Amino acid sequence: TAPLASTRYSRGFGTVYTAAYRPHAG
């Protein structure tokens, strides 16, 4: 959600994906 996520895709600035990594659990 905003402000971290952006939907201004037509202006070249939108959130394409959110990735999450858990190193201990792999």
PDB file of all heavy atoms in Angstrom:
ATOM      1  N   THR A   1       0.845  -1.194   0.000  1.00  0.00           N
ATOM      2  CA  THR A   1       0.000   0.000   0.000  1.00  0.00           C
ATOM      3  C   THR A   1       0.880   1.244   0.000  1.00  0.00           C
ATOM      4  O   THR A   1       2.071   1.197   0.327  1.00  0.00           O
ATOM      5  CB  THR A   1      -0.933   0.024   1.228  1.00  0.00           C
ATOM      6  OG1 THR A   1      -0.144  -0.026   2.427  1.00  0.00           O
ATOM      7  CG2 THR A   1      -1.883  -1.160   1.210  1.00  0.00           C
ATOM      8  N   ALA A   2       0.282   2.391  -0.341  1.00  0.00           N
ATOM      9  CA  ALA A   2       1.004   3.658  -0.312  1.00  0.00           C
ATOM     10  C   ALA A   2       1.381   3.993   1.136  1.00  0.00           C
ATOM     11  O   ALA A   2       0.657   3.618   2.069  1.00  0.00           O
ATOM     12  CB  ALA A   2       0.122   4.754  -0.896  1.00  0.00           C
ATOM     13  N   PRO A   3       2.505   4.690   1.340  1.00  0.00           N
ATOM     14  CA  PRO A   3       3.374   5.292   0.324  1.00  0.00           C
ATOM     15  C   PRO A   3       4.455   4.363  -0.239  1.00  0.00           C
ATOM     16  O   PRO A   3       5.166   4.766  -1.164  1.00  0.00           O
ATOM     17  CB  PRO A   3       4.023   6.433   1.093  1.00  0.00           C
ATOM     18  CG  PRO A   3       4.173   5.885   2.485  1.00  0.00           C
ATOM     19  CD  PRO A   3       2.911   5.084   2.713  1.00  0.00           C
ATOM     20  N   LEU A   4       4.604   3.154   0.303  1.00  0.00           N
ATOM     21  CA  LEU A   4       5.663   2.272  -0.191  1.00  0.00           C
ATOM     22  C   LEU A   4       5.335   1.721  -1.567  1.00  0.00           C
ATOM     23  O   LEU A   4       6.224   1.548  -2.405  1.00  0.00           O
ATOM     24  CB  LEU A   4       5.907   1.132   0.800  1.00  0.00           C
ATOM     25  CG  LEU A   4       6.368   1.558   2.200  1.00  0.00           C
ATOM     26  CD1 LEU A   4       6.609   0.331   3.082  1.00  0.00           C
ATOM     27  CD2 LEU A   4       7.627   2.416   2.133  1.00  0.00           C
ATOM     28  N   ALA A   5       4.075   1.408  -1.823  1.00  0.00           N
ATOM     29  CA  ALA A   5       3.661   0.899  -3.135  1.00  0.00           C
ATOM     30  C   ALA A   5       3.177   2.049  -4.011  1.00  0.00           C
ATOM     31  O   ALA A   5       2.539   2.984  -3.522  1.00  0.00           O
ATOM     32  CB  ALA A   5       2.563  -0.142  -2.975  1.00  0.00           C
ATOM     33  N   SER A   6       3.485   1.953  -5.288  1.00  0.00           N
ATOM     34  CA  SER A   6       3.082   2.983  -6.255  1.00  0.00           C
ATOM     35  C   SER A   6       2.308   2.349  -7.402  1.00  0.00           C
ATOM     36  O   SER A   6       2.609   1.227  -7.829  1.00  0.00           O
ATOM     37  CB  SER A   6       4.317   3.690  -6.813  1.00  0.00           C
ATOM     38  OG  SER A   6       3.984   4.526  -7.899  1.00  0.00           O
ATOM     39  N   THR A   7       1.325   3.070  -7.919  1.00  0.00           N
ATOM     40  CA  THR A   7       0.543   2.591  -9.066  1.00  0.00           C
ATOM     41  C   THR A   7       0.688   3.505 -10.276  1.00  0.00           C
ATOM     42  O   THR A   7      -0.123   3.454 -11.194  1.00  0.00           O
ATOM     43  CB  THR A   7      -0.946   2.472  -8.688  1.00  0.00           C
ATOM     44  OG1 THR A   7      -1.436   3.764  -8.298  1.00  0.00           O
ATOM     45  CG2 THR A   7      -1.136   1.498  -7.538  1.00  0.00           C
ATOM     46  N   ARG A   8       1.743   4.312 -10.305  1.00  0.00           N
ATOM     47  CA  ARG A   8       1.947   5.235 -11.434  1.00  0.00           C
ATOM     48  C   ARG A   8       2.682   4.515 -12.575  1.00  0.00           C
ATOM     49  O   ARG A   8       3.717   4.962 -13.055  1.00  0.00           O
ATOM     50  CB  ARG A   8       2.715   6.467 -10.965  1.00  0.00           C
ATOM     51  CG  ARG A   8       1.921   7.321  -9.987  1.00  0.00           C
ATOM     52  CD  ARG A   8       2.642   8.607  -9.652  1.00  0.00           C
ATOM     53  NE  ARG A   8       3.855   8.362  -8.891  1.00  0.00           N
ATOM     54  CZ  ARG A   8       4.725   9.319  -8.569  1.00  0.00           C
ATOM     55  NH1 ARG A   8       4.532  10.562  -8.976  1.00  0.00           N
ATOM     56  NH2 ARG A   8       5.803   9.029  -7.857  1.00  0.00           N
ATOM     57  N   TYR A   9       2.106   3.420 -13.017  1.00  0.00           N
ATOM     58  CA  TYR A   9       2.756   2.604 -14.042  1.00  0.00           C
ATOM     59  C   TYR A   9       2.920   3.371 -15.358  1.00  0.00           C
ATOM     60  O   TYR A   9       3.939   3.222 -16.035  1.00  0.00           O
ATOM     61  CB  TYR A   9       1.952   1.331 -14.281  1.00  0.00           C
ATOM     62  CG  TYR A   9       1.796   0.487 -13.036  1.00  0.00           C
ATOM     63  CD1 TYR A   9       0.560   0.373 -12.395  1.00  0.00           C
ATOM     64  CD2 TYR A   9       2.878  -0.185 -12.495  1.00  0.00           C
ATOM     65  CE1 TYR A   9       0.417  -0.394 -11.254  1.00  0.00           C
ATOM     66  CE2 TYR A   9       2.741  -0.951 -11.346  1.00  0.00           C
ATOM     67  CZ  TYR A   9       1.506  -1.047 -10.732  1.00  0.00           C
ATOM     68  OH  TYR A   9       1.378  -1.798  -9.596  1.00  0.00           O
ATOM     69  N   SER A  10       1.939   4.175 -15.716  1.00  0.00           N
ATOM     70  CA  SER A  10       1.991   4.894 -16.984  1.00  0.00           C
ATOM     71  C   SER A  10       3.100   5.946 -16.991  1.00  0.00           C
ATOM     72  O   SER A  10       3.514   6.405 -18.053  1.00  0.00           O
ATOM     73  CB  SER A  10       0.647   5.563 -17.275  1.00  0.00           C
ATOM     74  OG  SER A  10       0.335   6.526 -16.289  1.00  0.00           O
ATOM     75  N   ARG A  11       3.604   6.315 -15.824  1.00  0.00           N
ATOM     76  CA  ARG A  11       4.694   7.289 -15.724  1.00  0.00           C
ATOM     77  C   ARG A  11       6.034   6.618 -15.443  1.00  0.00           C
ATOM     78  O   ARG A  11       7.023   7.279 -15.141  1.00  0.00           O
ATOM     79  CB  ARG A  11       4.381   8.317 -14.632  1.00  0.00           C
ATOM     80  CG  ARG A  11       3.122   9.142 -14.905  1.00  0.00           C
ATOM     81  CD  ARG A  11       3.011  10.279 -13.928  1.00  0.00           C
ATOM     82  NE  ARG A  11       4.126  11.215 -14.070  1.00  0.00           N
ATOM     83  CZ  ARG A  11       4.419  12.175 -13.181  1.00  0.00           C
ATOM     84  NH1 ARG A  11       3.679  12.298 -12.086  1.00  0.00           N
ATOM     85  NH2 ARG A  11       5.440  12.979 -13.376  1.00  0.00           N
ATOM     86  N   GLY A  12       6.066   5.280 -15.561  1.00  0.00           N
ATOM     87  CA  GLY A  12       7.318   4.560 -15.402  1.00  0.00           C
ATOM     88  C   GLY A  12       7.722   4.316 -13.970  1.00  0.00           C
ATOM     89  O   GLY A  12       8.882   3.983 -13.693  1.00  0.00           O
ATOM     90  N   PHE A  13       6.779   4.459 -13.022  1.00  0.00           N
ATOM     91  CA  PHE A  13       7.126   4.295 -11.606  1.00  0.00           C
ATOM     92  C   PHE A  13       5.967   3.618 -10.903  1.00  0.00           C
ATOM     93  O   PHE A  13       5.089   4.253 -10.339  1.00  0.00           O
ATOM     94  CB  PHE A  13       7.419   5.654 -10.970  1.00  0.00           C
ATOM     95  CG  PHE A  13       7.807   5.571  -9.515  1.00  0.00           C
ATOM     96  CD1 PHE A  13       9.019   5.028  -9.136  1.00  0.00           C
ATOM     97  CD2 PHE A  13       6.963   6.047  -8.534  1.00  0.00           C
ATOM     98  CE1 PHE A  13       9.381   4.959  -7.798  1.00  0.00           C
ATOM     99  CE2 PHE A  13       7.313   5.982  -7.189  1.00  0.00           C
ATOM    100  CZ  PHE A  13       8.522   5.443  -6.824  1.00  0.00           C
ATOM    101  N   GLY A  14       5.955   2.280 -10.938  1.00  0.00           N
ATOM    102  CA  GLY A  14       4.928   1.517 -10.258  1.00  0.00           C
ATOM    103  C   GLY A  14       5.545   0.268  -9.651  1.00  0.00           C
ATOM    104  O   GLY A  14       6.585  -0.208 -10.102  1.00  0.00           O
ATOM    105  N   THR A  15       4.902  -0.265  -8.631  1.00  0.00           N
ATOM    106  CA  THR A  15       5.414  -1.454  -7.969  1.00  0.00           C
ATOM    107  C   THR A  15       5.085  -2.686  -8.808  1.00  0.00           C
ATOM    108  O   THR A  15       3.917  -3.038  -8.975  1.00  0.00           O
ATOM    109  CB  THR A  15       4.824  -1.583  -6.556  1.00  0.00           C
ATOM    110  OG1 THR A  15       5.195  -0.420  -5.803  1.00  0.00           O
ATOM    111  CG2 THR A  15       5.350  -2.821  -5.852  1.00  0.00           C
ATOM    112  N   VAL A  16       6.111  -3.336  -9.321  1.00  0.00           N
ATOM    113  CA  VAL A  16       5.951  -4.493 -10.203  1.00  0.00           C
ATOM    114  C   VAL A  16       5.746  -5.761  -9.382  1.00  0.00           C
ATOM    115  O   VAL A  16       4.944  -6.622  -9.743  1.00  0.00           O
ATOM    116  CB  VAL A  16       7.167  -4.633 -11.131  1.00  0.00           C
ATOM    117  CG1 VAL A  16       7.005  -5.826 -12.062  1.00  0.00           C
ATOM    118  CG2 VAL A  16       7.373  -3.354 -11.932  1.00  0.00           C
ATOM    119  N   TYR A  17       6.471  -5.887  -8.286  1.00  0.00           N
ATOM    120  CA  TYR A  17       6.299  -7.034  -7.391  1.00  0.00           C
ATOM    121  C   TYR A  17       6.870  -6.673  -6.028  1.00  0.00           C
ATOM    122  O   TYR A  17       7.675  -5.748  -5.885  1.00  0.00           O
ATOM    123  CB  TYR A  17       6.991  -8.291  -7.938  1.00  0.00           C
ATOM    124  CG  TYR A  17       8.496  -8.190  -8.059  1.00  0.00           C
ATOM    125  CD1 TYR A  17       9.336  -8.427  -6.955  1.00  0.00           C
ATOM    126  CD2 TYR A  17       9.105  -7.865  -9.272  1.00  0.00           C
ATOM    127  CE1 TYR A  17      10.717  -8.327  -7.060  1.00  0.00           C
ATOM    128  CE2 TYR A  17      10.485  -7.768  -9.383  1.00  0.00           C
ATOM    129  CZ  TYR A  17      11.283  -7.997  -8.276  1.00  0.00           C
ATOM    130  OH  TYR A  17      12.651  -7.896  -8.379  1.00  0.00           O
ATOM    131  N   THR A  18       6.441  -7.412  -5.027  1.00  0.00           N
ATOM    132  CA  THR A  18       7.033  -7.348  -3.691  1.00  0.00           C
ATOM    133  C   THR A  18       7.665  -8.701  -3.414  1.00  0.00           C
ATOM    134  O   THR A  18       6.983  -9.730  -3.453  1.00  0.00           O
ATOM    135  CB  THR A  18       5.967  -7.037  -2.626  1.00  0.00           C
ATOM    136  OG1 THR A  18       5.360  -5.778  -2.918  1.00  0.00           O
ATOM    137  CG2 THR A  18       6.583  -6.993  -1.232  1.00  0.00           C
ATOM    138  N   ALA A  19       8.968  -8.711  -3.174  1.00  0.00           N
ATOM    139  CA  ALA A  19       9.688  -9.955  -2.900  1.00  0.00           C
ATOM    140  C   ALA A  19      10.037 -10.026  -1.426  1.00  0.00           C
ATOM    141  O   ALA A  19      10.392  -9.011  -0.810  1.00  0.00           O
ATOM    142  CB  ALA A  19      10.963 -10.036  -3.738  1.00  0.00           C
ATOM    143  N   ALA A  20       9.959 -11.221  -0.854  1.00  0.00           N
ATOM    144  CA  ALA A  20      10.323 -11.434   0.542  1.00  0.00           C
ATOM    145  C   ALA A  20      11.219 -12.667   0.641  1.00  0.00           C
ATOM    146  O   ALA A  20      10.909 -13.718   0.069  1.00  0.00           O
ATOM    147  CB  ALA A  20       9.080 -11.608   1.407  1.00  0.00           C
ATOM    148  N   TYR A  21      12.318 -12.517   1.362  1.00  0.00           N
ATOM    149  CA  TYR A  21      13.281 -13.598   1.537  1.00  0.00           C
ATOM    150  C   TYR A  21      13.453 -13.880   3.025  1.00  0.00           C
ATOM    151  O   TYR A  21      13.669 -12.969   3.828  1.00  0.00           O
ATOM    152  CB  TYR A  21      14.634 -13.213   0.927  1.00  0.00           C
ATOM    153  CG  TYR A  21      14.579 -13.016  -0.564  1.00  0.00           C
ATOM    154  CD1 TYR A  21      14.304 -11.758  -1.108  1.00  0.00           C
ATOM    155  CD2 TYR A  21      14.793 -14.077  -1.442  1.00  0.00           C
ATOM    156  CE1 TYR A  21      14.250 -11.566  -2.483  1.00  0.00           C
ATOM    157  CE2 TYR A  21      14.743 -13.900  -2.814  1.00  0.00           C
ATOM    158  CZ  TYR A  21      14.462 -12.643  -3.328  1.00  0.00           C
ATOM    159  OH  TYR A  21      14.410 -12.459  -4.688  1.00  0.00           O
ATOM    160  N   ARG A  22      13.373 -15.174   3.380  1.00  0.00           N
ATOM    161  CA  ARG A  22      13.605 -15.630   4.746  1.00  0.00           C
ATOM    162  C   ARG A  22      14.871 -16.495   4.734  1.00  0.00           C
ATOM    163  O   ARG A  22      14.805 -17.698   4.449  1.00  0.00           O
ATOM    164  CB  ARG A  22      12.413 -16.451   5.243  1.00  0.00           C
ATOM    165  CG  ARG A  22      11.222 -15.636   5.718  1.00  0.00           C
ATOM    166  CD  ARG A  22      11.497 -15.048   7.088  1.00  0.00           C
ATOM    167  NE  ARG A  22      10.278 -14.610   7.773  1.00  0.00           N
ATOM    168  CZ  ARG A  22      10.290 -14.103   8.994  1.00  0.00           C
ATOM    169  NH1 ARG A  22      11.435 -13.984   9.659  1.00  0.00           N
ATOM    170  NH2 ARG A  22       9.167 -13.719   9.561  1.00  0.00           N
ATOM    171  N   PRO A  23      16.041 -15.918   5.034  1.00  0.00           N
ATOM    172  CA  PRO A  23      17.295 -16.682   4.926  1.00  0.00           C
ATOM    173  C   PRO A  23      17.355 -17.909   5.819  1.00  0.00           C
ATOM    174  O   PRO A  23      17.879 -18.949   5.401  1.00  0.00           O
ATOM    175  CB  PRO A  23      18.360 -15.649   5.342  1.00  0.00           C
ATOM    176  CG  PRO A  23      17.746 -14.328   5.025  1.00  0.00           C
ATOM    177  CD  PRO A  23      16.286 -14.489   5.314  1.00  0.00           C
ATOM    178  N   HIS A  24      16.840 -17.813   7.038  1.00  0.00           N
ATOM    179  CA  HIS A  24      16.936 -18.952   7.953  1.00  0.00           C
ATOM    180  C   HIS A  24      16.086 -20.124   7.461  1.00  0.00           C
ATOM    181  O   HIS A  24      16.502 -21.284   7.538  1.00  0.00           O
ATOM    182  CB  HIS A  24      16.485 -18.542   9.354  1.00  0.00           C
ATOM    183  CG  HIS A  24      16.708 -19.600  10.389  1.00  0.00           C
ATOM    184  ND1 HIS A  24      17.968 -19.935  10.847  1.00  0.00           N
ATOM    185  CD2 HIS A  24      15.842 -20.426  11.043  1.00  0.00           C
ATOM    186  CE1 HIS A  24      17.863 -20.901  11.744  1.00  0.00           C
ATOM    187  NE2 HIS A  24      16.589 -21.223  11.881  1.00  0.00           N
ATOM    188  N   ALA A  25      14.912 -19.826   6.917  1.00  0.00           N
ATOM    189  CA  ALA A  25      14.008 -20.879   6.440  1.00  0.00           C
ATOM    190  C   ALA A  25      14.245 -21.241   4.979  1.00  0.00           C
ATOM    191  O   ALA A  25      13.725 -22.252   4.499  1.00  0.00           O
ATOM    192  CB  ALA A  25      12.557 -20.435   6.627  1.00  0.00           C
ATOM    193  N   GLY A  26      15.015 -20.422   4.243  1.00  0.00           N
ATOM    194  CA  GLY A  26      15.235 -20.681   2.825  1.00  0.00           C
ATOM    195  C   GLY A  26      13.989 -20.501   1.983  1.00  0.00           C
ATOM    196  O   GLY A  26      13.817 -21.166   0.960  1.00  0.00           O
TER     197      GLY A  26
END
